[in-house]
Amino acid sequence: IRNVTREGRLTARLKGCGSVEDGADSMITYIDGKRCAINERILGVRGK
């Protein structure tokens, strides 16, 4: 799980994945969110 940062510090908002924007806080590395993280951050697949 990755936080959005501001001025070098973590915020309570979370980074998104796929079609989920940073700060929407609706997807983490959990069930389908793990699939998204692998596809995006390892395989280089972008967007939805």
All heavy atoms as atom14 arrays in JSON, in Angstrom:
{
  "sequence": "IRNVTREGRLTARLKGCGSVEDGADSMITYIDGKRCAINERILGVRGK",
  "atom14_mask": [
    [1, 1, 1, 1, 1, 1, 1, 1, 0, 0, 0, 0, 0, 0],
    [1, 1, 1, 1, 1, 1, 1, 1, 1, 1, 1, 0, 0, 0],
    [1, 1, 1, 1, 1, 1, 1, 1, 0, 0, 0, 0, 0, 0],
    [1, 1, 1, 1, 1, 1, 1, 0, 0, 0, 0, 0, 0, 0],
    [1, 1, 1, 1, 1, 1, 1, 0, 0, 0, 0, 0, 0, 0],
    [1, 1, 1, 1, 1, 1, 1, 1, 1, 1, 1, 0, 0, 0],
    [1, 1, 1, 1, 1, 1, 1, 1, 1, 0, 0, 0, 0, 0],
    [1, 1, 1, 1, 0, 0, 0, 0, 0, 0, 0, 0, 0, 0],
    [1, 1, 1, 1, 1, 1, 1, 1, 1, 1, 1, 0, 0, 0],
    [1, 1, 1, 1, 1, 1, 1, 1, 0, 0, 0, 0, 0, 0],
    [1, 1, 1, 1, 1, 1, 1, 0, 0, 0, 0, 0, 0, 0],
    [1, 1, 1, 1, 1, 0, 0, 0, 0, 0, 0, 0, 0, 0],
    [1, 1, 1, 1, 1, 1, 1, 1, 1, 1, 1, 0, 0, 0],
    [1, 1, 1, 1, 1, 1, 1, 1, 0, 0, 0, 0, 0, 0],
    [1, 1, 1, 1, 1, 1, 1, 1, 1, 0, 0, 0, 0, 0],
    [1, 1, 1, 1, 0, 0, 0, 0, 0, 0, 0, 0, 0, 0],
    [1, 1, 1, 1, 1, 1, 0, 0, 0, 0, 0, 0, 0, 0],
    [1, 1, 1, 1, 0, 0, 0, 0, 0, 0, 0, 0, 0, 0],
    [1, 1, 1, 1, 1, 1, 0, 0, 0, 0, 0, 0, 0, 0],
    [1, 1, 1, 1, 1, 1, 1, 0, 0, 0, 0, 0, 0, 0],
    [1, 1, 1, 1, 1, 1, 1, 1, 1, 0, 0, 0, 0, 0],
    [1, 1, 1, 1, 1, 1, 1, 1, 0, 0, 0, 0, 0, 0],
    [1, 1, 1, 1, 0, 0, 0, 0, 0, 0, 0, 0, 0, 0],
    [1, 1, 1, 1, 1, 0, 0, 0, 0, 0, 0, 0, 0, 0],
    [1, 1, 1, 1, 1, 1, 1, 1, 0, 0, 0, 0, 0, 0],
    [1, 1, 1, 1, 1, 1, 0, 0, 0, 0, 0, 0, 0, 0],
    [1, 1, 1, 1, 1, 1, 1, 1, 0, 0, 0, 0, 0, 0],
    [1, 1, 1, 1, 1, 1, 1, 1, 0, 0, 0, 0, 0, 0],
    [1, 1, 1, 1, 1, 1, 1, 0, 0, 0, 0, 0, 0, 0],
    [1, 1, 1, 1, 1, 1, 1, 1, 1, 1, 1, 1, 0, 0],
    [1, 1, 1, 1, 1, 1, 1, 1, 0, 0, 0, 0, 0, 0],
    [1, 1, 1, 1, 1, 1, 1, 1, 0, 0, 0, 0, 0, 0],
    [1, 1, 1, 1, 0, 0, 0, 0, 0, 0, 0, 0, 0, 0],
    [1, 1, 1, 1, 1, 1, 1, 1, 1, 0, 0, 0, 0, 0],
    [1, 1, 1, 1, 1, 1, 1, 1, 1, 1, 1, 0, 0, 0],
    [1, 1, 1, 1, 1, 1, 0, 0, 0, 0, 0, 0, 0, 0],
    [1, 1, 1, 1, 1, 0, 0, 0, 0, 0, 0, 0, 0, 0],
    [1, 1, 1, 1, 1, 1, 1, 1, 0, 0, 0, 0, 0, 0],
    [1, 1, 1, 1, 1, 1, 1, 1, 0, 0, 0, 0, 0, 0],
    [1, 1, 1, 1, 1, 1, 1, 1, 1, 0, 0, 0, 0, 0],
    [1, 1, 1, 1, 1, 1, 1, 1, 1, 1, 1, 0, 0, 0],
    [1, 1, 1, 1, 1, 1, 1, 1, 0, 0, 0, 0, 0, 0],
    [1, 1, 1, 1, 1, 1, 1, 1, 0, 0, 0, 0, 0, 0],
    [1, 1, 1, 1, 0, 0, 0, 0, 0, 0, 0, 0, 0, 0],
    [1, 1, 1, 1, 1, 1, 1, 0, 0, 0, 0, 0, 0, 0],
    [1, 1, 1, 1, 1, 1, 1, 1, 1, 1, 1, 0, 0, 0],
    [1, 1, 1, 1, 0, 0, 0, 0, 0, 0, 0, 0, 0, 0],
    [1, 1, 1, 1, 1, 1, 1, 1, 1, 0, 0, 0, 0, 0]
  ],
  "atom14_positions": [
    [[0.86, -1.18, 0.0], [0.0, 0.0, 0.0], [0.89, 1.23, 0.0], [1.81, 1.35, 0.82], [-0.92, 0.01, 1.23], [-1.8, -1.24, 1.27], [-1.81, 1.26, 1.22], [-2.63, -1.36, 2.54], [0.0, 0.0, 0.0], [0.0, 0.0, 0.0], [0.0, 0.0, 0.0], [0.0, 0.0, 0.0], [0.0, 0.0, 0.0], [0.0, 0.0, 0.0]],
    [[0.61, 2.18, -0.9], [1.42, 3.38, -1.03], [0.59, 4.62, -0.7], [-0.54, 4.75, -1.15], [1.99, 3.5, -2.44], [2.93, 2.36, -2.84], [3.56, 2.64, -4.2], [2.55, 2.7, -5.24], [2.75, 3.23, -6.45], [3.93, 3.75, -6.75], [1.79, 3.23, -7.35], [0.0, 0.0, 0.0], [0.0, 0.0, 0.0], [0.0, 0.0, 0.0]],
    [[1.18, 5.51, 0.07], [0.54, 6.77, 0.41], [0.91, 7.85, -0.6], [2.01, 7.86, -1.14], [0.99, 7.26, 1.79], [0.6, 6.34, 2.92], [1.07, 5.21, 2.99], [-0.24, 6.82, 3.82], [0.0, 0.0, 0.0], [0.0, 0.0, 0.0], [0.0, 0.0, 0.0], [0.0, 0.0, 0.0], [0.0, 0.0, 0.0], [0.0, 0.0, 0.0]],
    [[0.0, 8.77, -0.82], [0.34, 10.02, -1.49], [1.2, 10.83, -0.52], [0.93, 10.86, 0.69], [-0.93, 10.81, -1.86], [-0.57, 12.18, -2.42], [-1.78, 10.02, -2.84], [0.0, 0.0, 0.0], [0.0, 0.0, 0.0], [0.0, 0.0, 0.0], [0.0, 0.0, 0.0], [0.0, 0.0, 0.0], [0.0, 0.0, 0.0], [0.0, 0.0, 0.0]],
    [[2.27, 11.41, -1.0], [3.16, 12.21, -0.14], [3.01, 13.7, -0.44], [2.64, 14.1, -1.55], [4.63, 11.8, -0.32], [5.01, 11.97, -1.69], [4.82, 10.33, 0.05], [0.0, 0.0, 0.0], [0.0, 0.0, 0.0], [0.0, 0.0, 0.0], [0.0, 0.0, 0.0], [0.0, 0.0, 0.0], [0.0, 0.0, 0.0], [0.0, 0.0, 0.0]],
    [[3.32, 14.51, 0.56], [3.32, 15.96, 0.41], [4.48, 16.53, 1.23], [4.58, 16.26, 2.43], [2.0, 16.57, 0.88], [1.9, 18.08, 0.65], [0.62, 18.65, 1.22], [-0.56, 18.01, 0.67], [-1.46, 17.4, 1.41], [-1.32, 17.33, 2.73], [-2.51, 16.83, 0.85], [0.0, 0.0, 0.0], [0.0, 0.0, 0.0], [0.0, 0.0, 0.0]],
    [[5.36, 17.23, 0.56], [6.51, 17.85, 1.2], [7.32, 16.83, 2.01], [7.74, 17.09, 3.14], [6.07, 19.01, 2.1], [5.39, 20.14, 1.32], [4.92, 21.27, 2.22], [4.97, 21.1, 3.47], [4.48, 22.3, 1.69], [0.0, 0.0, 0.0], [0.0, 0.0, 0.0], [0.0, 0.0, 0.0], [0.0, 0.0, 0.0], [0.0, 0.0, 0.0]],
    [[7.49, 15.64, 1.41], [8.32, 14.62, 2.01], [7.67, 13.81, 3.12], [8.33, 12.98, 3.75], [0.0, 0.0, 0.0], [0.0, 0.0, 0.0], [0.0, 0.0, 0.0], [0.0, 0.0, 0.0], [0.0, 0.0, 0.0], [0.0, 0.0, 0.0], [0.0, 0.0, 0.0], [0.0, 0.0, 0.0], [0.0, 0.0, 0.0], [0.0, 0.0, 0.0]],
    [[6.4, 14.03, 3.34], [5.69, 13.29, 4.4], [4.48, 12.57, 3.82], [3.86, 13.02, 2.85], [5.28, 14.23, 5.54], [6.47, 14.82, 6.27], [6.05, 15.7, 7.43], [7.22, 16.28, 8.08], [7.9, 15.68, 9.05], [7.51, 14.49, 9.49], [8.94, 16.27, 9.6], [0.0, 0.0, 0.0], [0.0, 0.0, 0.0], [0.0, 0.0, 0.0]],
    [[4.13, 11.47, 4.47], [2.98, 10.69, 4.03], [1.69, 11.42, 4.39], [1.59, 12.05, 5.43], [2.99, 9.31, 4.69], [4.26, 8.47, 4.51], [4.09, 7.12, 5.19], [4.59, 8.27, 3.04], [0.0, 0.0, 0.0], [0.0, 0.0, 0.0], [0.0, 0.0, 0.0], [0.0, 0.0, 0.0], [0.0, 0.0, 0.0], [0.0, 0.0, 0.0]],
    [[0.7, 11.31, 3.52], [-0.63, 11.83, 3.82], [-1.57, 10.65, 4.08], [-1.19, 9.49, 3.91], [-1.19, 12.66, 2.65], [-1.53, 11.78, 1.56], [-0.15, 13.68, 2.16], [0.0, 0.0, 0.0], [0.0, 0.0, 0.0], [0.0, 0.0, 0.0], [0.0, 0.0, 0.0], [0.0, 0.0, 0.0], [0.0, 0.0, 0.0], [0.0, 0.0, 0.0]],
    [[-2.79, 10.95, 4.44], [-3.79, 9.9, 4.68], [-4.47, 9.46, 3.39], [-5.35, 8.61, 3.42], [-4.84, 10.39, 5.67], [0.0, 0.0, 0.0], [0.0, 0.0, 0.0], [0.0, 0.0, 0.0], [0.0, 0.0, 0.0], [0.0, 0.0, 0.0], [0.0, 0.0, 0.0], [0.0, 0.0, 0.0], [0.0, 0.0, 0.0], [0.0, 0.0, 0.0]],
    [[-4.05, 10.02, 2.28], [-4.59, 9.61, 0.98], [-3.69, 8.54, 0.37], [-2.48, 8.53, 0.61], [-4.7, 10.81, 0.04], [-5.53, 11.96, 0.58], [-7.04, 11.71, 0.45], [-7.57, 10.65, 1.29], [-7.89, 10.79, 2.6], [-7.7, 11.94, 3.2], [-8.39, 9.77, 3.26], [0.0, 0.0, 0.0], [0.0, 0.0, 0.0], [0.0, 0.0, 0.0]],
    [[-4.27, 7.67, -0.43], [-3.55, 6.52, -0.98], [-3.41, 6.61, -2.49], [-4.27, 7.16, -3.17], [-4.31, 5.24, -0.62], [-4.59, 5.04, 0.88], [-5.46, 3.8, 1.08], [-3.31, 4.95, 1.68], [0.0, 0.0, 0.0], [0.0, 0.0, 0.0], [0.0, 0.0, 0.0], [0.0, 0.0, 0.0], [0.0, 0.0, 0.0], [0.0, 0.0, 0.0]],
    [[-2.32, 6.05, -3.0], [-2.1, 6.02, -4.43], [-3.01, 4.98, -5.07], [-3.28, 3.92, -4.49], [-0.64, 5.73, -4.75], [0.29, 6.9, -4.4], [1.67, 6.71, -4.98], [2.53, 7.94, -4.73], [3.87, 7.83, -5.35], [0.0, 0.0, 0.0], [0.0, 0.0, 0.0], [0.0, 0.0, 0.0], [0.0, 0.0, 0.0], [0.0, 0.0, 0.0]],
    [[-3.46, 5.28, -6.27], [-4.37, 4.39, -6.96], [-3.65, 3.43, -7.88], [-2.43, 3.29, -7.85], [0.0, 0.0, 0.0], [0.0, 0.0, 0.0], [0.0, 0.0, 0.0], [0.0, 0.0, 0.0], [0.0, 0.0, 0.0], [0.0, 0.0, 0.0], [0.0, 0.0, 0.0], [0.0, 0.0, 0.0], [0.0, 0.0, 0.0], [0.0, 0.0, 0.0]],
    [[-4.44, 2.78, -8.74], [-3.91, 1.83, -9.71], [-4.92, 1.71, -10.84], [-6.13, 1.83, -10.6], [-3.67, 0.46, -9.06], [-2.97, -0.78, -10.19], [0.0, 0.0, 0.0], [0.0, 0.0, 0.0], [0.0, 0.0, 0.0], [0.0, 0.0, 0.0], [0.0, 0.0, 0.0], [0.0, 0.0, 0.0], [0.0, 0.0, 0.0], [0.0, 0.0, 0.0]],
    [[-4.44, 1.48, -12.07], [-5.35, 1.32, -13.18], [-6.15, 2.57, -13.42], [-5.59, 3.66, -13.6], [0.0, 0.0, 0.0], [0.0, 0.0, 0.0], [0.0, 0.0, 0.0], [0.0, 0.0, 0.0], [0.0, 0.0, 0.0], [0.0, 0.0, 0.0], [0.0, 0.0, 0.0], [0.0, 0.0, 0.0], [0.0, 0.0, 0.0], [0.0, 0.0, 0.0]],
    [[-7.48, 2.46, -13.38], [-8.35, 3.62, -13.59], [-8.61, 4.4, -12.31], [-9.26, 5.45, -12.35], [-9.69, 3.15, -14.18], [-10.37, 2.3, -13.26], [0.0, 0.0, 0.0], [0.0, 0.0, 0.0], [0.0, 0.0, 0.0], [0.0, 0.0, 0.0], [0.0, 0.0, 0.0], [0.0, 0.0, 0.0], [0.0, 0.0, 0.0], [0.0, 0.0, 0.0]],
    [[-8.1, 3.92, -11.18], [-8.32, 4.58, -9.89], [-7.24, 5.64, -9.68], [-6.05, 5.34, -9.64], [-8.29, 3.56, -8.74], [-8.43, 4.27, -7.39], [-9.39, 2.53, -8.92], [0.0, 0.0, 0.0], [0.0, 0.0, 0.0], [0.0, 0.0, 0.0], [0.0, 0.0, 0.0], [0.0, 0.0, 0.0], [0.0, 0.0, 0.0], [0.0, 0.0, 0.0]],
    [[-7.65, 6.86, -9.53], [-6.72, 7.97, -9.37], [-6.13, 8.02, -7.97], [-6.76, 7.55, -7.0], [-7.42, 9.29, -9.68], [-7.88, 9.42, -11.13], [-8.53, 10.76, -11.41], [-8.7, 11.55, -10.44], [-8.88, 11.03, -12.57], [0.0, 0.0, 0.0], [0.0, 0.0, 0.0], [0.0, 0.0, 0.0], [0.0, 0.0, 0.0], [0.0, 0.0, 0.0]],
    [[-4.93, 8.61, -7.85], [-4.34, 8.84, -6.54], [-5.3, 9.69, -5.71], [-5.88, 10.66, -6.19], [-3.02, 9.59, -6.68], [-1.93, 8.76, -7.34], [-2.15, 7.55, -7.54], [-0.86, 9.33, -7.63], [0.0, 0.0, 0.0], [0.0, 0.0, 0.0], [0.0, 0.0, 0.0], [0.0, 0.0, 0.0], [0.0, 0.0, 0.0], [0.0, 0.0, 0.0]],
    [[-5.47, 9.29, -4.44], [-6.34, 10.03, -3.54], [-7.78, 9.58, -3.53], [-8.55, 10.0, -2.67], [0.0, 0.0, 0.0], [0.0, 0.0, 0.0], [0.0, 0.0, 0.0], [0.0, 0.0, 0.0], [0.0, 0.0, 0.0], [0.0, 0.0, 0.0], [0.0, 0.0, 0.0], [0.0, 0.0, 0.0], [0.0, 0.0, 0.0], [0.0, 0.0, 0.0]],
    [[-8.16, 8.71, -4.48], [-9.53, 8.2, -4.48], [-9.74, 7.18, -3.36], [-10.86, 6.95, -2.91], [-9.87, 7.58, -5.83], [0.0, 0.0, 0.0], [0.0, 0.0, 0.0], [0.0, 0.0, 0.0], [0.0, 0.0, 0.0], [0.0, 0.0, 0.0], [0.0, 0.0, 0.0], [0.0, 0.0, 0.0], [0.0, 0.0, 0.0], [0.0, 0.0, 0.0]],
    [[-8.65, 6.54, -2.94], [-8.66, 5.62, -1.79], [-9.61, 4.45, -1.98], [-10.15, 3.92, -1.0], [-9.03, 6.36, -0.49], [-8.11, 7.51, -0.17], [-7.03, 7.6, -0.79], [-8.46, 8.32, 0.7], [0.0, 0.0, 0.0], [0.0, 0.0, 0.0], [0.0, 0.0, 0.0], [0.0, 0.0, 0.0], [0.0, 0.0, 0.0], [0.0, 0.0, 0.0]],
    [[-9.79, 4.01, -3.22], [-10.76, 2.94, -3.46], [-10.13, 1.62, -3.9], [-10.85, 0.65, -4.11], [-11.78, 3.38, -4.52], [-11.15, 3.68, -5.75], [0.0, 0.0, 0.0], [0.0, 0.0, 0.0], [0.0, 0.0, 0.0], [0.0, 0.0, 0.0], [0.0, 0.0, 0.0], [0.0, 0.0, 0.0], [0.0, 0.0, 0.0], [0.0, 0.0, 0.0]],
    [[-8.79, 1.58, -4.02], [-8.13, 0.33, -4.36], [-6.77, 0.27, -3.68], [-5.99, 1.22, -3.75], [-7.94, 0.18, -5.88], [-7.3, -1.17, -6.27], [-6.81, -1.27, -8.01], [-8.39, -1.26, -8.83], [0.0, 0.0, 0.0], [0.0, 0.0, 0.0], [0.0, 0.0, 0.0], [0.0, 0.0, 0.0], [0.0, 0.0, 0.0], [0.0, 0.0, 0.0]],
    [[-6.5, -0.84, -3.0], [-5.18, -1.11, -2.44], [-4.72, -2.47, -2.96], [-5.41, -3.1, -3.76], [-5.18, -1.09, -0.9], [-6.14, -2.16, -0.35], [-5.53, 0.3, -0.36], [-6.03, -2.37, 1.16], [0.0, 0.0, 0.0], [0.0, 0.0, 0.0], [0.0, 0.0, 0.0], [0.0, 0.0, 0.0], [0.0, 0.0, 0.0], [0.0, 0.0, 0.0]],
    [[-3.58, -2.92, -2.51], [-3.06, -4.24, -2.92], [-3.82, -5.33, -2.18], [-3.31, -5.99, -1.28], [-1.56, -4.32, -2.63], [-1.29, -3.73, -1.34], [-0.76, -3.58, -3.69], [0.0, 0.0, 0.0], [0.0, 0.0, 0.0], [0.0, 0.0, 0.0], [0.0, 0.0, 0.0], [0.0, 0.0, 0.0], [0.0, 0.0, 0.0], [0.0, 0.0, 0.0]],
    [[-5.06, -5.55, -2.63], [-5.99, -6.47, -1.98], [-6.86, -7.11, -3.06], [-7.51, -6.43, -3.84], [-6.85, -5.69, -0.97], [-7.86, -6.52, -0.21], [-7.48, -7.25, 0.91], [-9.19, -6.55, -0.61], [-8.41, -8.01, 1.61], [-10.13, -7.31, 0.09], [-9.72, -8.03, 1.19], [-10.64, -8.78, 1.89], [0.0, 0.0, 0.0], [0.0, 0.0, 0.0]],
    [[-6.88, -8.43, -3.14], [-7.6, -9.23, -4.12], [-7.37, -8.68, -5.53], [-6.27, -8.78, -6.05], [-9.11, -9.37, -3.78], [-9.31, -9.85, -2.3], [-9.75, -10.37, -4.72], [-10.75, -10.12, -1.93], [0.0, 0.0, 0.0], [0.0, 0.0, 0.0], [0.0, 0.0, 0.0], [0.0, 0.0, 0.0], [0.0, 0.0, 0.0], [0.0, 0.0, 0.0]],
    [[-8.37, -8.07, -6.16], [-8.19, -7.57, -7.52], [-7.17, -6.44, -7.58], [-6.55, -6.21, -8.63], [-9.53, -7.11, -8.1], [-10.49, -8.27, -8.34], [-10.05, -9.43, -8.31], [-11.69, -8.0, -8.56], [0.0, 0.0, 0.0], [0.0, 0.0, 0.0], [0.0, 0.0, 0.0], [0.0, 0.0, 0.0], [0.0, 0.0, 0.0], [0.0, 0.0, 0.0]],
    [[-6.99, -5.73, -6.47], [-5.99, -4.68, -6.41], [-4.57, -5.21, -6.49], [-3.66, -4.52, -6.98], [0.0, 0.0, 0.0], [0.0, 0.0, 0.0], [0.0, 0.0, 0.0], [0.0, 0.0, 0.0], [0.0, 0.0, 0.0], [0.0, 0.0, 0.0], [0.0, 0.0, 0.0], [0.0, 0.0, 0.0], [0.0, 0.0, 0.0], [0.0, 0.0, 0.0]],
    [[-4.34, -6.44, -6.03], [-3.02, -7.05, -6.19], [-2.75, -7.36, -7.65], [-1.65, -7.16, -8.15], [-2.9, -8.31, -5.33], [-2.69, -8.03, -3.84], [-2.23, -9.26, -3.09], [-1.87, -8.9, -1.64], [-1.32, -10.04, -0.9], [0.0, 0.0, 0.0], [0.0, 0.0, 0.0], [0.0, 0.0, 0.0], [0.0, 0.0, 0.0], [0.0, 0.0, 0.0]],
    [[-3.77, -7.86, -8.34], [-3.61, -8.09, -9.78], [-3.24, -6.79, -10.49], [-2.33, -6.75, -11.32], [-4.9, -8.65, -10.36], [-4.91, -8.69, -11.89], [-6.25, -9.17, -12.41], [-6.41, -10.6, -12.19], [-7.58, -11.22, -12.01], [-8.7, -10.51, -12.0], [-7.63, -12.53, -11.84], [0.0, 0.0, 0.0], [0.0, 0.0, 0.0], [0.0, 0.0, 0.0]],
    [[-3.95, -5.72, -10.16], [-3.7, -4.43, -10.8], [-2.27, -3.96, -10.53], [-1.58, -3.5, -11.44], [-4.7, -3.39, -10.29], [-4.59, -1.79, -11.13], [0.0, 0.0, 0.0], [0.0, 0.0, 0.0], [0.0, 0.0, 0.0], [0.0, 0.0, 0.0], [0.0, 0.0, 0.0], [0.0, 0.0, 0.0], [0.0, 0.0, 0.0], [0.0, 0.0, 0.0]],
    [[-1.81, -4.09, -9.29], [-0.46, -3.65, -8.93], [0.6, -4.43, -9.7], [1.59, -3.86, -10.17], [-0.25, -3.78, -7.43], [0.0, 0.0, 0.0], [0.0, 0.0, 0.0], [0.0, 0.0, 0.0], [0.0, 0.0, 0.0], [0.0, 0.0, 0.0], [0.0, 0.0, 0.0], [0.0, 0.0, 0.0], [0.0, 0.0, 0.0], [0.0, 0.0, 0.0]],
    [[0.41, -5.74, -9.82], [1.36, -6.56, -10.58], [1.37, -6.15, -12.05], [2.43, -5.95, -12.65], [1.0, -8.05, -10.42], [1.27, -8.52, -8.99], [1.79, -8.91, -11.42], [0.67, -9.87, -8.66], [0.0, 0.0, 0.0], [0.0, 0.0, 0.0], [0.0, 0.0, 0.0], [0.0, 0.0, 0.0], [0.0, 0.0, 0.0], [0.0, 0.0, 0.0]],
    [[0.18, -5.99, -12.63], [0.1, -5.63, -14.04], [0.71, -4.26, -14.31], [1.42, -4.06, -15.3], [-1.35, -5.65, -14.5], [-1.94, -7.04, -14.57], [-1.2, -8.03, -14.56], [-3.25, -7.14, -14.61], [0.0, 0.0, 0.0], [0.0, 0.0, 0.0], [0.0, 0.0, 0.0], [0.0, 0.0, 0.0], [0.0, 0.0, 0.0], [0.0, 0.0, 0.0]],
    [[0.44, -3.33, -13.41], [0.91, -1.95, -13.64], [2.38, -1.77, -13.29], [3.16, -1.24, -14.08], [0.06, -0.98, -12.82], [0.43, 0.48, -13.02], [-0.54, 1.42, -12.31], [-1.61, 1.71, -12.87], [-0.21, 1.86, -11.18], [0.0, 0.0, 0.0], [0.0, 0.0, 0.0], [0.0, 0.0, 0.0], [0.0, 0.0, 0.0], [0.0, 0.0, 0.0]],
    [[2.77, -2.23, -12.12], [4.1, -1.88, -11.62], [5.18, -2.89, -12.03], [6.36, -2.57, -11.97], [4.05, -1.73, -10.1], [3.12, -0.57, -9.68], [3.1, -0.38, -8.19], [4.42, -0.06, -7.68], [4.73, 0.0, -6.39], [3.78, -0.27, -5.49], [5.95, 0.3, -5.99], [0.0, 0.0, 0.0], [0.0, 0.0, 0.0], [0.0, 0.0, 0.0]],
    [[4.79, -4.08, -12.42], [5.77, -5.07, -12.87], [5.7, -5.26, -14.38], [6.71, -5.19, -15.08], [5.58, -6.42, -12.16], [5.65, -6.26, -10.63], [6.63, -7.42, -12.63], [5.36, -7.53, -9.85], [0.0, 0.0, 0.0], [0.0, 0.0, 0.0], [0.0, 0.0, 0.0], [0.0, 0.0, 0.0], [0.0, 0.0, 0.0], [0.0, 0.0, 0.0]],
    [[4.47, -5.46, -14.9], [4.32, -5.76, -16.31], [4.24, -4.51, -17.18], [4.31, -4.6, -18.41], [3.09, -6.63, -16.55], [3.03, -7.95, -15.77], [1.78, -8.73, -16.15], [4.28, -8.78, -16.03], [0.0, 0.0, 0.0], [0.0, 0.0, 0.0], [0.0, 0.0, 0.0], [0.0, 0.0, 0.0], [0.0, 0.0, 0.0], [0.0, 0.0, 0.0]],
    [[4.03, -3.34, -16.57], [4.01, -2.11, -17.33], [2.71, -1.81, -18.04], [2.67, -1.0, -18.97], [0.0, 0.0, 0.0], [0.0, 0.0, 0.0], [0.0, 0.0, 0.0], [0.0, 0.0, 0.0], [0.0, 0.0, 0.0], [0.0, 0.0, 0.0], [0.0, 0.0, 0.0], [0.0, 0.0, 0.0], [0.0, 0.0, 0.0], [0.0, 0.0, 0.0]],
    [[1.62, -2.45, -17.61], [0.31, -2.22, -18.22], [-0.31, -0.97, -17.59], [-0.33, -0.84, -16.36], [-0.62, -3.43, -18.02], [-1.97, -3.21, -18.69], [0.05, -4.69, -18.56], [0.0, 0.0, 0.0], [0.0, 0.0, 0.0], [0.0, 0.0, 0.0], [0.0, 0.0, 0.0], [0.0, 0.0, 0.0], [0.0, 0.0, 0.0], [0.0, 0.0, 0.0]],
    [[-0.84, -0.07, -18.38], [-1.36, 1.2, -17.89], [-2.87, 1.3, -18.05], [-3.48, 0.64, -18.88], [-0.7, 2.37, -18.63], [0.81, 2.41, -18.51], [1.25, 2.65, -17.08], [2.71, 2.67, -16.96], [3.37, 2.08, -15.98], [2.72, 1.41, -15.05], [4.68, 2.16, -15.92], [0.0, 0.0, 0.0], [0.0, 0.0, 0.0], [0.0, 0.0, 0.0]],
    [[-3.45, 2.19, -17.25], [-4.87, 2.48, -17.35], [-5.75, 1.32, -16.92], [-5.33, 0.42, -16.21], [0.0, 0.0, 0.0], [0.0, 0.0, 0.0], [0.0, 0.0, 0.0], [0.0, 0.0, 0.0], [0.0, 0.0, 0.0], [0.0, 0.0, 0.0], [0.0, 0.0, 0.0], [0.0, 0.0, 0.0], [0.0, 0.0, 0.0], [0.0, 0.0, 0.0]],
    [[-6.99, 1.35, -17.39], [-7.97, 0.34, -16.97], [-7.55, -1.07, -17.34], [-7.95, -2.04, -16.68], [-9.33, 0.67, -17.58], [-10.47, -0.13, -16.97], [-11.82, 0.36, -17.42], [-12.94, -0.43, -16.77], [-12.93, -0.32, -15.3], [0.0, 0.0, 0.0], [0.0, 0.0, 0.0], [0.0, 0.0, 0.0], [0.0, 0.0, 0.0], [0.0, 0.0, 0.0]]
  ]
}
